[in-house]
Amino acid sequence: MLRKAVNLVTLAHYVLMNKNTPVLSFDYDLDDHKAVRIREVFAPEAAPFGLVDRRSDLSKAELNYWWRHRAIPSSRAQIKRLLENLQLESTLVLAEKSFGLSLSDRYWLNDEDDPTSWDAVNFFDNDFSDDLGFLTLGQDLAGSSPDAPDYRTVNLSSPNSTLGGDLLKKWKIVNGERVLLKSGVGFVNQEPYNEVAATALHRRLMEPGEFTPYTLFEDGRRVYSACPNLLGPDEELVAAWDAIRNVKQPNNLSGLRFYVKRLEDLGLDADATMTDLYRFFGHEGARFLHINLVSFTTEKRSRNHDNVYT
C-alpha cells in the first residue's frame, strides 16, 4: 500500500464507494485519521445519507463527521482497554483496517494505490475472522473464555470495527448467517433475557417481520442475546438524525412531524420505518431497499446499527 509523506503528513488516497459506484475521492491523513481534501466528486446521489451539507455540497467537514461516527464510539464499554491491548490509538484505526465496511450499509473506502472490489471485500458475502469480535464482545475478560486470541496477531478485518453502540457486542457467522450478539451489563447480565422476554411479547402483538426477534446464545462461558441481520447487501439503515441534521426545522412542525416530512420529501415514506423509545434521533431509523444507484429516493442510508439492534 503506497503512501506519500507531505510536510511530515502521511496521506492515503481513498475513494468513498457505494458498493461498486465511486462517490468521491479524497486525501486522508493517516496520522490524524481524517480527510484533508476532497479531490473530486463523482456521484453525489450515491453518497451516504446526511453527507450533503446545508449548502447542498459534499463537504470535507461532513465527510469527517460521517467517518468519525462510523467507528466504534469512545463510550463503548471496555474500549480503552481494547485499544491498549491492541496498541492502537483510536477506533478509527480499526475502521481503516476494514475499509470502513459495515453490515448496516454498503459504503466502504477503496485505496487508489491498492484498489480492490466490493465483491472481494464485503462482509455480506465474504467470511470474516472472529478475532476482533471476540474482543469487542469482551470475551477476553477474566473468566469469560479460555480461547482469547493473541493480541499481537489479531485479524482486524471485521465488520465489528464499525459496529456502533455502548454495549459489548459482535457480529458472528453462525451456520453461514450473520448474527449480532450482545452482552448484558455486569455479573447479572440481565439485558439479553429482557430482549428475549420482549420478543415473546411482540410475537403476541405483531406479525413475523414486524419486529426484531431475539434468542439466547451461549458463546464461551456467557449467555448473550442474538438476532439475525435484517439487511441484505442492497439494503441499509438510515438514522433519523441523518435525515434531519442538515435541514432547518420549521417552527410550525414538531420533531416527529418534521421527521415524517423529511422521509416523505426524500421518497422514503413507503419504506420500513423502525422506532424505539429513545431520547434522541440516533436510535430511530428507516430501512429501505436500494432500487438503483441513481435514484435519490432509494439511495439514502445509515451509519448506526443500533438504530434497530438496541
Protein backbone atom coordinates (compact mmCIF):
# COMPACT_ATOMS: atom_id res chain seq x y z
CA MET A 1 0.00 0.00 0.00
CA LEU A 2 1.73 3.16 -1.22
CA ARG A 3 1.85 6.23 0.97
CA LYS A 4 3.08 9.76 0.28
CA ALA A 5 4.55 11.96 3.01
CA VAL A 6 3.90 15.69 2.52
CA ASN A 7 5.27 18.05 5.16
CA LEU A 8 5.51 15.07 7.52
CA VAL A 9 1.84 14.24 6.92
CA THR A 10 1.23 10.67 5.75
CA LEU A 11 -1.58 10.70 3.20
CA ALA A 12 -3.66 7.91 1.76
CA HIS A 13 -5.71 8.40 -1.38
CA TYR A 14 -9.16 6.95 -0.90
CA VAL A 15 -12.33 6.69 -2.94
CA LEU A 16 -15.57 6.57 -0.98
CA MET A 17 -17.60 3.82 -2.63
CA ASN A 18 -21.27 2.88 -2.65
CA LYS A 19 -20.88 -0.80 -3.43
CA ASN A 20 -19.39 -0.58 -6.97
CA THR A 21 -20.10 3.12 -7.53
CA PRO A 22 -17.39 5.72 -6.76
CA VAL A 23 -18.90 8.62 -4.78
CA LEU A 24 -15.89 10.88 -4.28
CA SER A 25 -12.11 10.77 -3.98
CA PHE A 26 -10.22 12.38 -1.12
CA ASP A 27 -6.86 12.66 0.63
CA TYR A 28 -6.79 11.08 4.08
CA ASP A 29 -4.35 11.89 6.90
CA LEU A 30 -3.35 8.55 8.42
CA ASP A 31 -1.88 10.23 11.49
CA ASP A 32 -4.91 12.35 12.39
CA HIS A 33 -7.39 9.86 10.87
CA LYS A 34 -9.36 12.41 8.89
CA ALA A 35 -9.98 13.65 5.37
CA VAL A 36 -7.90 16.70 4.50
CA ARG A 37 -9.11 17.39 0.95
CA ILE A 38 -11.90 16.24 -1.32
CA ARG A 39 -10.33 15.89 -4.75
CA GLU A 40 -13.28 15.00 -6.97
CA VAL A 41 -16.98 14.24 -6.60
CA PHE A 42 -18.31 11.56 -8.94
CA ALA A 43 -21.82 10.62 -7.78
CA PRO A 44 -23.29 12.80 -5.02
CA GLU A 45 -26.63 11.00 -5.35
CA ALA A 46 -24.91 7.81 -4.14
CA ALA A 47 -23.33 9.42 -1.06
CA PRO A 48 -24.17 8.29 2.48
CA PHE A 49 -27.30 9.92 3.74
CA GLY A 50 -26.57 13.14 5.60
CA LEU A 51 -23.26 13.74 3.84
CA VAL A 52 -24.70 16.67 1.87
CA ASP A 53 -24.45 19.84 3.97
CA ARG A 54 -26.92 22.73 4.26
CA ARG A 55 -25.47 24.33 1.13
CA SER A 56 -26.19 21.12 -0.81
CA ASP A 57 -22.45 20.42 -1.06
CA LEU A 58 -20.40 17.36 -0.20
CA SER A 59 -18.02 18.99 2.25
CA LYS A 60 -14.88 17.80 3.98
CA ALA A 61 -16.48 18.58 7.34
CA GLU A 62 -19.47 16.34 6.65
CA LEU A 63 -17.22 13.58 5.32
CA ASN A 64 -15.21 13.66 8.54
CA TYR A 65 -18.40 13.74 10.63
CA TRP A 66 -19.63 10.62 8.85
CA TRP A 67 -16.27 8.89 9.24
CA ARG A 68 -15.92 9.68 12.96
CA HIS A 69 -19.36 8.27 13.64
CA ARG A 70 -18.64 5.17 11.61
CA ALA A 71 -16.06 3.94 14.12
CA ILE A 72 -16.75 2.23 17.44
CA PRO A 73 -17.73 5.05 19.83
CA SER A 74 -15.38 6.07 22.62
CA SER A 75 -18.26 5.47 25.04
CA ARG A 76 -18.25 1.71 24.29
CA ALA A 77 -17.70 -0.38 27.41
CA GLN A 78 -14.08 -1.53 27.77
CA ILE A 79 -12.99 0.33 24.62
CA LYS A 80 -9.94 1.94 26.26
CA ARG A 81 -8.76 -1.47 27.41
CA LEU A 82 -9.31 -2.90 23.93
CA LEU A 83 -7.23 -0.19 22.27
CA GLU A 84 -4.45 -0.55 24.81
CA ASN A 85 -4.26 -4.31 24.31
CA LEU A 86 -4.19 -3.90 20.53
CA GLN A 87 -1.72 -0.99 20.85
CA LEU A 88 -3.94 1.29 18.78
CA GLU A 89 -4.51 4.99 19.36
CA SER A 90 -8.05 5.23 18.03
CA THR A 91 -11.03 3.12 16.99
CA LEU A 92 -10.71 4.85 13.62
CA VAL A 93 -7.65 2.67 13.01
CA LEU A 94 -9.92 -0.37 13.26
CA ALA A 95 -12.26 1.14 10.67
CA GLU A 96 -9.29 1.82 8.39
CA LYS A 97 -8.16 -1.81 8.63
CA SER A 98 -11.57 -2.97 7.38
CA PHE A 99 -12.03 -0.49 4.50
CA GLY A 100 -14.76 1.13 6.63
CA LEU A 101 -17.06 -1.76 5.71
CA SER A 102 -20.24 -2.40 7.68
CA LEU A 103 -23.13 -4.86 7.78
CA SER A 104 -25.57 -1.94 8.03
CA ASP A 105 -24.96 -0.46 4.58
CA ARG A 106 -22.74 -0.80 1.52
CA TYR A 107 -20.27 2.07 1.89
CA TRP A 108 -16.55 1.50 2.03
CA LEU A 109 -13.19 3.09 1.27
CA ASN A 110 -11.20 1.92 -1.74
CA ASP A 111 -7.48 2.68 -1.70
CA GLU A 112 -6.46 4.22 -5.03
CA ASP A 113 -2.92 2.95 -4.56
CA ASP A 114 -4.05 -0.61 -3.90
CA PRO A 115 -7.58 -0.90 -5.33
CA THR A 116 -9.91 -3.81 -4.72
CA SER A 117 -13.59 -4.58 -5.38
CA TRP A 118 -16.82 -4.81 -3.41
CA ASP A 119 -17.19 -8.48 -4.31
CA ALA A 120 -13.74 -9.21 -2.91
CA VAL A 121 -14.09 -7.47 0.45
CA ASN A 122 -17.71 -7.02 1.57
CA PHE A 123 -18.77 -8.87 4.72
CA PHE A 124 -22.25 -9.79 3.47
CA ASP A 125 -20.72 -12.37 1.14
CA ASN A 126 -17.20 -12.93 2.47
CA ASP A 127 -16.35 -14.69 5.71
CA PHE A 128 -14.53 -12.80 8.44
CA SER A 129 -12.44 -13.80 11.43
CA ASP A 130 -13.95 -13.92 14.91
CA ASP A 131 -10.76 -12.45 16.41
CA LEU A 132 -11.87 -8.84 16.72
CA GLY A 133 -15.44 -9.81 17.60
CA PHE A 134 -14.11 -11.96 20.43
CA LEU A 135 -12.56 -8.80 21.86
CA THR A 136 -15.39 -6.34 21.15
CA LEU A 137 -17.81 -8.69 22.93
CA GLY A 138 -15.46 -8.73 25.93
CA GLN A 139 -14.84 -12.46 25.76
CA ASP A 140 -11.21 -11.93 26.67
CA LEU A 141 -12.20 -10.66 30.11
CA ALA A 142 -11.10 -12.84 33.03
CA GLY A 143 -13.25 -15.95 33.31
CA SER A 144 -15.33 -15.37 30.19
CA SER A 145 -13.47 -17.70 27.82
CA PRO A 146 -10.22 -19.64 27.65
CA ASP A 147 -9.84 -19.06 23.91
CA ALA A 148 -8.75 -15.43 23.71
CA PRO A 149 -6.70 -14.69 20.56
CA ASP A 150 -3.14 -13.43 20.73
CA TYR A 151 -3.37 -9.62 20.66
CA ARG A 152 -0.22 -9.48 18.53
CA THR A 153 -1.76 -11.50 15.71
CA VAL A 154 -5.43 -10.48 15.81
CA ASN A 155 -7.08 -10.26 12.38
CA LEU A 156 -8.62 -6.77 12.39
CA SER A 157 -10.58 -7.14 9.15
CA SER A 158 -14.09 -7.39 10.55
CA PRO A 159 -17.49 -5.66 10.50
CA ASN A 160 -17.06 -5.33 14.26
CA SER A 161 -14.75 -2.38 13.58
CA THR A 162 -17.77 -0.27 12.55
CA LEU A 163 -20.38 -1.64 14.96
CA GLY A 164 -21.89 1.21 17.00
CA GLY A 165 -23.44 1.42 20.44
CA ASP A 166 -22.18 1.29 24.01
CA LEU A 167 -22.84 -2.35 24.95
CA LEU A 168 -20.28 -5.07 24.31
CA LYS A 169 -21.28 -6.81 21.09
CA LYS A 170 -20.07 -8.52 17.95
CA TRP A 171 -21.08 -9.91 14.60
CA LYS A 172 -20.59 -13.65 14.33
CA ILE A 173 -21.13 -16.04 11.44
CA VAL A 174 -23.41 -18.86 12.64
CA ASN A 175 -24.20 -21.56 10.06
CA GLY A 176 -23.47 -19.08 7.29
CA GLU A 177 -25.76 -16.39 8.74
CA ARG A 178 -24.61 -13.01 10.09
CA VAL A 179 -25.83 -12.83 13.69
CA LEU A 180 -25.45 -9.97 16.16
CA LEU A 181 -24.53 -11.00 19.71
CA LYS A 182 -24.88 -8.52 22.57
CA SER A 183 -23.78 -8.79 26.17
CA GLY A 184 -25.56 -7.52 29.23
CA VAL A 185 -24.05 -5.33 31.93
CA GLY A 186 -22.08 -6.73 34.84
CA PHE A 187 -22.47 -10.02 36.64
CA VAL A 188 -26.28 -10.04 36.43
CA ASN A 189 -26.24 -9.87 32.61
CA GLN A 190 -29.95 -9.01 32.58
CA GLU A 191 -30.29 -7.32 29.18
CA PRO A 192 -30.19 -10.46 26.98
CA TYR A 193 -33.02 -12.02 28.97
CA ASN A 194 -35.04 -8.80 28.77
CA GLU A 195 -34.76 -8.83 24.97
CA VAL A 196 -35.92 -12.43 24.74
CA ALA A 197 -38.88 -11.64 27.02
CA ALA A 198 -39.72 -8.64 24.83
CA THR A 199 -39.61 -10.90 21.77
CA ALA A 200 -42.21 -13.20 23.35
CA LEU A 201 -44.48 -10.19 23.95
CA HIS A 202 -44.00 -8.94 20.39
CA ARG A 203 -44.98 -12.33 18.98
CA ARG A 204 -48.37 -11.95 20.68
CA LEU A 205 -48.91 -8.45 19.32
CA MET A 206 -47.28 -8.38 15.90
CA GLU A 207 -46.73 -10.44 12.79
CA PRO A 208 -43.37 -12.00 11.86
CA GLY A 209 -41.22 -9.43 10.09
CA GLU A 210 -42.70 -6.54 12.08
CA PHE A 211 -40.24 -6.86 14.95
CA THR A 212 -36.67 -7.98 15.59
CA PRO A 213 -36.66 -11.45 17.21
CA TYR A 214 -34.02 -12.17 19.85
CA THR A 215 -32.86 -15.52 21.19
CA LEU A 216 -30.34 -16.54 23.81
CA PHE A 217 -26.95 -17.67 22.53
CA GLU A 218 -24.19 -19.24 24.60
CA ASP A 219 -20.70 -18.46 23.35
CA GLY A 220 -17.83 -19.41 25.59
CA ARG A 221 -18.82 -19.07 29.24
CA ARG A 222 -21.51 -16.42 28.94
CA VAL A 223 -25.02 -16.06 27.54
CA TYR A 224 -25.77 -13.30 25.03
CA SER A 225 -28.77 -12.09 23.10
CA ALA A 226 -28.71 -12.90 19.40
CA CYS A 227 -30.60 -11.57 16.41
CA PRO A 228 -30.11 -12.00 12.66
CA ASN A 229 -29.04 -9.20 10.37
CA LEU A 230 -32.20 -7.67 8.91
CA LEU A 231 -30.39 -6.29 5.90
CA GLY A 232 -29.05 -7.64 2.66
CA PRO A 233 -26.26 -6.08 0.56
CA ASP A 234 -28.81 -3.91 -1.27
CA GLU A 235 -30.45 -2.53 1.88
CA GLU A 236 -29.30 -0.15 4.57
CA LEU A 237 -30.38 1.63 7.71
CA VAL A 238 -30.91 5.37 7.69
CA ALA A 239 -30.59 7.08 11.05
CA ALA A 240 -33.34 9.60 11.73
CA TRP A 241 -30.67 12.10 12.74
CA ASP A 242 -29.01 11.79 9.34
CA ALA A 243 -32.34 12.55 7.66
CA ILE A 244 -32.82 15.84 9.50
CA ARG A 245 -29.49 17.16 10.77
CA ASN A 246 -28.65 19.27 7.70
CA VAL A 247 -32.12 20.76 7.25
CA LYS A 248 -33.62 23.55 9.35
CA GLN A 249 -36.76 22.51 11.21
CA PRO A 250 -39.75 24.81 10.51
CA ASN A 251 -41.22 26.45 13.60
CA ASN A 252 -44.68 25.10 12.79
CA LEU A 253 -43.62 21.43 12.81
CA SER A 254 -42.96 19.22 15.82
CA GLY A 255 -39.89 17.00 15.82
CA LEU A 256 -41.94 13.98 14.78
CA ARG A 257 -43.83 15.83 12.02
CA PHE A 258 -40.56 17.27 10.76
CA TYR A 259 -39.00 13.81 10.59
CA VAL A 260 -42.01 12.33 8.78
CA LYS A 261 -41.99 15.20 6.28
CA ARG A 262 -38.29 14.64 5.62
CA LEU A 263 -38.92 10.97 4.87
CA GLU A 264 -41.73 11.95 2.52
CA ASP A 265 -39.57 14.58 0.81
CA LEU A 266 -36.83 12.01 0.29
CA GLY A 267 -39.20 9.36 -1.01
CA LEU A 268 -38.67 7.09 1.99
CA ASP A 269 -42.28 7.21 3.17
CA ALA A 270 -43.08 3.85 1.55
CA ASP A 271 -40.14 2.05 3.14
CA ALA A 272 -39.91 0.35 6.53
CA THR A 273 -39.60 2.69 9.49
CA MET A 274 -38.31 1.39 12.82
CA THR A 275 -38.74 3.23 16.09
CA ASP A 276 -37.79 2.84 19.72
CA LEU A 277 -38.28 4.74 22.94
CA TYR A 278 -35.02 6.66 22.92
CA ARG A 279 -34.38 10.29 23.75
CA PHE A 280 -32.59 11.17 20.54
CA PHE A 281 -32.83 10.55 16.82
CA GLY A 282 -29.73 8.38 16.52
CA HIS A 283 -31.63 5.31 17.72
CA GLU A 284 -34.54 5.64 15.34
CA GLY A 285 -34.23 4.89 11.70
CA ALA A 286 -35.64 3.78 8.41
CA ARG A 287 -34.81 0.72 6.38
CA PHE A 288 -35.25 0.59 2.65
CA LEU A 289 -34.31 -1.40 -0.40
CA HIS A 290 -31.98 0.08 -3.00
CA ILE A 291 -33.63 0.04 -6.41
CA ASN A 292 -30.78 1.57 -8.39
CA LEU A 293 -27.70 3.69 -7.88
CA VAL A 294 -29.01 6.95 -9.30
CA SER A 295 -32.34 7.33 -7.55
CA PHE A 296 -32.12 9.81 -4.66
CA THR A 297 -35.21 8.30 -3.07
CA THR A 298 -33.73 4.83 -2.83
CA GLU A 299 -30.07 5.61 -2.21
CA LYS A 300 -30.12 7.02 1.31
CA ARG A 301 -28.62 5.08 4.17
CA SER A 302 -27.26 4.96 7.72
CA ARG A 303 -24.20 4.53 9.89
CA ASN A 304 -25.51 3.18 13.19
CA HIS A 305 -26.58 -0.43 13.57
CA ASP A 306 -28.05 0.40 16.96
CA ASN A 307 -30.91 2.11 15.12
CA VAL A 308 -32.73 -1.20 15.29
CA TYR A 309 -30.49 -3.63 17.14
CA THR A 310 -30.62 -1.93 20.54
